[in-house]
Amino acid sequence: MTALAFKLLQLVAGLFGVRLPPFAAGAIVAAVIAAILVGTGFYLVDLGAAQAQRACQAEALRKENEQLAAELSEKRRALALINAIAERDAGRAAAAEDKLRANQEAIDATPKNPAQCFDRAAAGRVRRVR
Protein backbone atom coordinates (compact mmCIF):
# COMPACT_ATOMS: atom_id res chain seq x y z
CA MET A 1 0.00 0.00 0.00
CA THR A 2 2.79 2.41 0.89
CA ALA A 3 4.60 1.44 -2.33
CA LEU A 4 1.50 2.49 -4.23
CA ALA A 5 1.43 5.76 -2.28
CA PHE A 6 5.14 6.35 -3.15
CA LYS A 7 4.51 5.80 -6.83
CA LEU A 8 1.38 7.97 -6.81
CA LEU A 9 3.22 10.76 -5.01
CA GLN A 10 6.15 10.58 -7.45
CA LEU A 11 3.71 10.64 -10.37
CA VAL A 12 1.87 13.70 -9.05
CA ALA A 13 5.16 15.48 -8.31
CA GLY A 14 6.33 14.58 -11.83
CA LEU A 15 3.26 16.27 -13.30
CA PHE A 16 4.42 19.51 -11.69
CA GLY A 17 7.96 18.99 -12.94
CA VAL A 18 9.44 17.98 -9.58
CA ARG A 19 11.49 14.84 -9.26
CA LEU A 20 11.11 13.26 -5.81
CA PRO A 21 13.65 10.79 -4.54
CA PRO A 22 12.15 7.69 -2.85
CA PHE A 23 13.31 8.86 0.61
CA ALA A 24 11.49 12.22 0.26
CA ALA A 25 8.36 10.46 -1.02
CA GLY A 26 8.52 8.07 1.96
CA ALA A 27 8.96 10.97 4.37
CA ILE A 28 5.96 12.77 2.90
CA VAL A 29 3.82 9.61 3.08
CA ALA A 30 4.96 9.05 6.67
CA ALA A 31 4.12 12.67 7.54
CA VAL A 32 0.66 12.34 5.98
CA ILE A 33 0.04 9.09 7.86
CA ALA A 34 1.28 10.69 11.10
CA ALA A 35 -0.97 13.71 10.53
CA ILE A 36 -3.94 11.41 9.93
CA LEU A 37 -3.14 9.44 13.11
CA VAL A 38 -2.71 12.62 15.18
CA GLY A 39 -5.96 14.03 13.81
CA THR A 40 -7.74 10.77 14.55
CA GLY A 41 -6.26 10.79 18.06
CA PHE A 42 -7.48 14.34 18.72
CA TYR A 43 -10.88 13.40 17.35
CA LEU A 44 -11.09 10.36 19.63
CA VAL A 45 -9.94 12.36 22.66
CA ASP A 46 -12.57 15.01 21.91
CA LEU A 47 -15.19 12.29 21.47
CA GLY A 48 -14.21 10.72 24.82
CA ALA A 49 -14.31 14.09 26.59
CA ALA A 50 -17.74 14.84 25.15
CA GLN A 51 -18.98 11.40 26.24
CA ALA A 52 -17.61 11.92 29.75
CA GLN A 53 -19.25 15.34 29.95
CA ARG A 54 -22.60 13.89 28.81
CA ALA A 55 -22.28 11.12 31.41
CA CYS A 56 -21.54 13.71 34.10
CA GLN A 57 -24.51 15.81 33.01
CA ALA A 58 -26.73 12.73 32.97
CA GLU A 59 -25.69 11.88 36.53
CA ALA A 60 -26.32 15.47 37.66
CA LEU A 61 -29.74 15.43 36.00
CA ARG A 62 -30.52 12.07 37.60
CA LYS A 63 -29.67 13.45 41.05
CA GLU A 64 -31.70 16.60 40.41
CA ASN A 65 -34.60 14.44 39.24
CA GLU A 66 -34.42 12.40 42.45
CA GLN A 67 -34.42 15.59 44.54
CA LEU A 68 -37.38 16.97 42.62
CA ALA A 69 -39.23 13.68 43.00
CA ALA A 70 -38.63 13.79 46.76
CA GLU A 71 -39.84 17.40 46.91
CA LEU A 72 -42.91 16.50 44.86
CA SER A 73 -43.66 13.62 47.21
CA GLU A 74 -43.32 15.95 50.21
CA LYS A 75 -45.58 18.55 48.56
CA ARG A 76 -48.19 15.88 47.80
CA ARG A 77 -48.08 14.70 51.42
CA ALA A 78 -48.47 18.28 52.65
CA LEU A 79 -51.34 18.85 50.21
CA ALA A 80 -53.10 15.71 51.45
CA LEU A 81 -52.69 16.93 55.04
CA ILE A 82 -54.01 20.39 54.13
CA ASN A 83 -56.99 18.84 52.31
CA ALA A 84 -57.76 16.65 55.33
CA ILE A 85 -57.63 19.70 57.63
CA ALA A 86 -59.81 21.67 55.21
CA GLU A 87 -62.40 18.87 55.10
CA ARG A 88 -62.41 18.65 58.90
CA ASP A 89 -62.77 22.44 59.19
CA ALA A 90 -65.54 22.41 56.59
CA GLY A 91 -67.38 19.90 58.77
CA ARG A 92 -66.89 22.09 61.83
CA ALA A 93 -68.00 25.17 59.91
CA ALA A 94 -71.16 23.38 58.75
CA ALA A 95 -71.90 22.30 62.32
CA ALA A 96 -71.32 25.84 63.59
CA GLU A 97 -73.58 27.22 60.85
CA ASP A 98 -76.30 24.75 61.89
CA LYS A 99 -75.87 25.80 65.53
CA LEU A 100 -76.10 29.49 64.57
CA ARG A 101 -79.21 28.82 62.52
CA ALA A 102 -80.79 26.90 65.42
CA ASN A 103 -79.93 29.74 67.82
CA GLN A 104 -81.40 32.32 65.46
CA GLU A 105 -84.56 30.22 65.13
CA ALA A 106 -84.78 30.05 68.94
CA ILE A 107 -84.31 33.82 69.15
CA ASP A 108 -86.96 34.37 66.49
CA ALA A 109 -89.33 31.96 68.31
CA THR A 110 -88.98 33.82 71.61
CA PRO A 111 -92.06 36.03 72.19
CA LYS A 112 -91.55 39.76 72.54
CA ASN A 113 -91.44 41.07 76.11
CA PRO A 114 -93.37 44.32 76.35
CA ALA A 115 -91.83 45.20 79.75
CA GLN A 116 -88.24 44.73 78.83
CA CYS A 117 -86.97 48.05 80.22
CA PHE A 118 -86.29 48.70 83.86
CA ASP A 119 -88.00 51.58 85.56
CA ARG A 120 -85.80 54.24 87.21
CA ALA A 121 -85.74 52.59 90.63
CA ALA A 122 -84.85 49.14 89.23
CA ALA A 123 -82.09 50.61 87.04
CA GLY A 124 -80.62 52.33 90.13
CA ARG A 125 -80.62 49.09 92.09
CA VAL A 126 -78.87 47.26 89.26
CA ARG A 127 -76.20 49.96 89.07
CA ARG A 128 -75.37 49.57 92.77
CA VAL A 129 -74.82 45.79 92.43
CA ARG A 130 -71.18 45.04 91.74
C-alpha atoms as a PDB file:
ATOM      1  CA  MET A   1       0.000   0.000   0.000  1.00  0.00           C
ATOM      2  CA  THR A   2       2.793   2.412   0.894  1.00  0.00           C
ATOM      3  CA  ALA A   3       4.603   1.444  -2.329  1.00  0.00           C
ATOM      4  CA  LEU A   4       1.500   2.493  -4.231  1.00  0.00           C
ATOM      5  CA  ALA A   5       1.432   5.756  -2.276  1.00  0.00           C
ATOM      6  CA  PHE A   6       5.135   6.349  -3.150  1.00  0.00           C
ATOM      7  CA  LYS A   7       4.512   5.804  -6.829  1.00  0.00           C
ATOM      8  CA  LEU A   8       1.385   7.967  -6.815  1.00  0.00           C
ATOM      9  CA  LEU A   9       3.225  10.761  -5.014  1.00  0.00           C
ATOM     10  CA  GLN A  10       6.152  10.582  -7.449  1.00  0.00           C
ATOM     11  CA  LEU A  11       3.709  10.640 -10.374  1.00  0.00           C
ATOM     12  CA  VAL A  12       1.868  13.703  -9.048  1.00  0.00           C
ATOM     13  CA  ALA A  13       5.160  15.475  -8.311  1.00  0.00           C
ATOM     14  CA  GLY A  14       6.335  14.581 -11.835  1.00  0.00           C
ATOM     15  CA  LEU A  15       3.256  16.275 -13.297  1.00  0.00           C
ATOM     16  CA  PHE A  16       4.417  19.513 -11.694  1.00  0.00           C
ATOM     17  CA  GLY A  17       7.961  18.987 -12.936  1.00  0.00           C
ATOM     18  CA  VAL A  18       9.435  17.982  -9.580  1.00  0.00           C
ATOM     19  CA  ARG A  19      11.486  14.843  -9.259  1.00  0.00           C
ATOM     20  CA  LEU A  20      11.107  13.260  -5.808  1.00  0.00           C
ATOM     21  CA  PRO A  21      13.652  10.788  -4.540  1.00  0.00           C
ATOM     22  CA  PRO A  22      12.148   7.689  -2.846  1.00  0.00           C
ATOM     23  CA  PHE A  23      13.309   8.864   0.612  1.00  0.00           C
ATOM     24  CA  ALA A  24      11.491  12.215   0.258  1.00  0.00           C
ATOM     25  CA  ALA A  25       8.358  10.464  -1.015  1.00  0.00           C
ATOM     26  CA  GLY A  26       8.522   8.071   1.964  1.00  0.00           C
ATOM     27  CA  ALA A  27       8.961  10.973   4.365  1.00  0.00           C
ATOM     28  CA  ILE A  28       5.956  12.769   2.897  1.00  0.00           C
ATOM     29  CA  VAL A  29       3.823   9.611   3.078  1.00  0.00           C
ATOM     30  CA  ALA A  30       4.958   9.049   6.671  1.00  0.00           C
ATOM     31  CA  ALA A  31       4.124  12.669   7.540  1.00  0.00           C
ATOM     32  CA  VAL A  32       0.661  12.339   5.981  1.00  0.00           C
ATOM     33  CA  ILE A  33       0.038   9.089   7.856  1.00  0.00           C
ATOM     34  CA  ALA A  34       1.279  10.691  11.098  1.00  0.00           C
ATOM     35  CA  ALA A  35      -0.975  13.710  10.532  1.00  0.00           C
ATOM     36  CA  ILE A  36      -3.940  11.412   9.934  1.00  0.00           C
ATOM     37  CA  LEU A  37      -3.139   9.438  13.109  1.00  0.00           C
ATOM     38  CA  VAL A  38      -2.706  12.616  15.179  1.00  0.00           C
ATOM     39  CA  GLY A  39      -5.965  14.027  13.808  1.00  0.00           C
ATOM     40  CA  THR A  40      -7.744  10.774  14.551  1.00  0.00           C
ATOM     41  CA  GLY A  41      -6.262  10.794  18.056  1.00  0.00           C
ATOM     42  CA  PHE A  42      -7.475  14.338  18.719  1.00  0.00           C
ATOM     43  CA  TYR A  43     -10.883  13.397  17.351  1.00  0.00           C
ATOM     44  CA  LEU A  44     -11.088  10.359  19.631  1.00  0.00           C
ATOM     45  CA  VAL A  45      -9.944  12.362  22.662  1.00  0.00           C
ATOM     46  CA  ASP A  46     -12.570  15.008  21.912  1.00  0.00           C
ATOM     47  CA  LEU A  47     -15.185  12.290  21.471  1.00  0.00           C
ATOM     48  CA  GLY A  48     -14.213  10.716  24.815  1.00  0.00           C
ATOM     49  CA  ALA A  49     -14.309  14.093  26.591  1.00  0.00           C
ATOM     50  CA  ALA A  50     -17.739  14.839  25.152  1.00  0.00           C
ATOM     51  CA  GLN A  51     -18.979  11.404  26.236  1.00  0.00           C
ATOM     52  CA  ALA A  52     -17.606  11.921  29.745  1.00  0.00           C
ATOM     53  CA  GLN A  53     -19.254  15.336  29.949  1.00  0.00           C
ATOM     54  CA  ARG A  54     -22.595  13.888  28.814  1.00  0.00           C
ATOM     55  CA  ALA A  55     -22.284  11.118  31.410  1.00  0.00           C
ATOM     56  CA  CYS A  56     -21.544  13.705  34.102  1.00  0.00           C
ATOM     57  CA  GLN A  57     -24.512  15.811  33.014  1.00  0.00           C
ATOM     58  CA  ALA A  58     -26.732  12.731  32.970  1.00  0.00           C
ATOM     59  CA  GLU A  59     -25.688  11.881  36.534  1.00  0.00           C
ATOM     60  CA  ALA A  60     -26.323  15.470  37.664  1.00  0.00           C
ATOM     61  CA  LEU A  61     -29.744  15.429  36.003  1.00  0.00           C
ATOM     62  CA  ARG A  62     -30.523  12.065  37.595  1.00  0.00           C
ATOM     63  CA  LYS A  63     -29.666  13.454  41.051  1.00  0.00           C
ATOM     64  CA  GLU A  64     -31.696  16.597  40.408  1.00  0.00           C
ATOM     65  CA  ASN A  65     -34.595  14.438  39.238  1.00  0.00           C
ATOM     66  CA  GLU A  66     -34.424  12.398  42.445  1.00  0.00           C
ATOM     67  CA  GLN A  67     -34.423  15.588  44.541  1.00  0.00           C
ATOM     68  CA  LEU A  68     -37.380  16.970  42.618  1.00  0.00           C
ATOM     69  CA  ALA A  69     -39.233  13.680  42.998  1.00  0.00           C
ATOM     70  CA  ALA A  70     -38.630  13.785  46.764  1.00  0.00           C
ATOM     71  CA  GLU A  71     -39.837  17.404  46.913  1.00  0.00           C
ATOM     72  CA  LEU A  72     -42.909  16.497  44.863  1.00  0.00           C
ATOM     73  CA  SER A  73     -43.656  13.621  47.213  1.00  0.00           C
ATOM     74  CA  GLU A  74     -43.319  15.954  50.210  1.00  0.00           C
ATOM     75  CA  LYS A  75     -45.579  18.549  48.561  1.00  0.00           C
ATOM     76  CA  ARG A  76     -48.193  15.884  47.802  1.00  0.00           C
ATOM     77  CA  ARG A  77     -48.076  14.700  51.415  1.00  0.00           C
ATOM     78  CA  ALA A  78     -48.471  18.283  52.647  1.00  0.00           C
ATOM     79  CA  LEU A  79     -51.339  18.847  50.206  1.00  0.00           C
ATOM     80  CA  ALA A  80     -53.102  15.706  51.449  1.00  0.00           C
ATOM     81  CA  LEU A  81     -52.691  16.933  55.038  1.00  0.00           C
ATOM     82  CA  ILE A  82     -54.014  20.387  54.135  1.00  0.00           C
ATOM     83  CA  ASN A  83     -56.986  18.837  52.313  1.00  0.00           C
ATOM     84  CA  ALA A  84     -57.762  16.648  55.333  1.00  0.00           C
ATOM     85  CA  ILE A  85     -57.629  19.696  57.629  1.00  0.00           C
ATOM     86  CA  ALA A  86     -59.813  21.674  55.212  1.00  0.00           C
ATOM     87  CA  GLU A  87     -62.401  18.875  55.104  1.00  0.00           C
ATOM     88  CA  ARG A  88     -62.405  18.648  58.895  1.00  0.00           C
ATOM     89  CA  ASP A  89     -62.771  22.436  59.188  1.00  0.00           C
ATOM     90  CA  ALA A  90     -65.540  22.413  56.592  1.00  0.00           C
ATOM     91  CA  GLY A  91     -67.381  19.899  58.765  1.00  0.00           C
ATOM     92  CA  ARG A  92     -66.886  22.087  61.829  1.00  0.00           C
ATOM     93  CA  ALA A  93     -68.000  25.174  59.910  1.00  0.00           C
ATOM     94  CA  ALA A  94     -71.160  23.384  58.745  1.00  0.00           C
ATOM     95  CA  ALA A  95     -71.898  22.300  62.322  1.00  0.00           C
ATOM     96  CA  ALA A  96     -71.316  25.845  63.593  1.00  0.00           C
ATOM     97  CA  GLU A  97     -73.575  27.215  60.849  1.00  0.00           C
ATOM     98  CA  ASP A  98     -76.303  24.751  61.890  1.00  0.00           C
ATOM     99  CA  LYS A  99     -75.868  25.801  65.528  1.00  0.00           C
ATOM    100  CA  LEU A 100     -76.096  29.494  64.570  1.00  0.00           C
ATOM    101  CA  ARG A 101     -79.212  28.819  62.516  1.00  0.00           C
ATOM    102  CA  ALA A 102     -80.792  26.905  65.416  1.00  0.00           C
ATOM    103  CA  ASN A 103     -79.933  29.740  67.823  1.00  0.00           C
ATOM    104  CA  GLN A 104     -81.400  32.324  65.456  1.00  0.00           C
ATOM    105  CA  GLU A 105     -84.562  30.224  65.133  1.00  0.00           C
ATOM    106  CA  ALA A 106     -84.778  30.045  68.936  1.00  0.00           C
ATOM    107  CA  ILE A 107     -84.313  33.821  69.147  1.00  0.00           C
ATOM    108  CA  ASP A 108     -86.963  34.369  66.490  1.00  0.00           C
ATOM    109  CA  ALA A 109     -89.332  31.956  68.308  1.00  0.00           C
ATOM    110  CA  THR A 110     -88.984  33.819  71.608  1.00  0.00           C
ATOM    111  CA  PRO A 111     -92.060  36.027  72.186  1.00  0.00           C
ATOM    112  CA  LYS A 112     -91.547  39.756  72.540  1.00  0.00           C
ATOM    113  CA  ASN A 113     -91.436  41.070  76.112  1.00  0.00           C
ATOM    114  CA  PRO A 114     -93.367  44.324  76.352  1.00  0.00           C
ATOM    115  CA  ALA A 115     -91.834  45.202  79.752  1.00  0.00           C
ATOM    116  CA  GLN A 116     -88.240  44.730  78.827  1.00  0.00           C
ATOM    117  CA  CYS A 117     -86.972  48.046  80.220  1.00  0.00           C
ATOM    118  CA  PHE A 118     -86.294  48.703  83.862  1.00  0.00           C
ATOM    119  CA  ASP A 119     -88.001  51.580  85.564  1.00  0.00           C
ATOM    120  CA  ARG A 120     -85.804  54.240  87.210  1.00  0.00           C
ATOM    121  CA  ALA A 121     -85.744  52.585  90.627  1.00  0.00           C
ATOM    122  CA  ALA A 122     -84.847  49.140  89.233  1.00  0.00           C
ATOM    123  CA  ALA A 123     -82.086  50.612  87.044  1.00  0.00           C
ATOM    124  CA  GLY A 124     -80.615  52.329  90.134  1.00  0.00           C
ATOM    125  CA  ARG A 125     -80.624  49.092  92.086  1.00  0.00           C
ATOM    126  CA  VAL A 126     -78.874  47.262  89.255  1.00  0.00           C
ATOM    127  CA  ARG A 127     -76.201  49.964  89.066  1.00  0.00           C
ATOM    128  CA  ARG A 128     -75.365  49.572  92.766  1.00  0.00           C
ATOM    129  CA  VAL A 129     -74.815  45.788  92.427  1.00  0.00           C
ATOM    130  CA  ARG A 130     -71.176  45.039  91.745  1.00  0.00           C
END
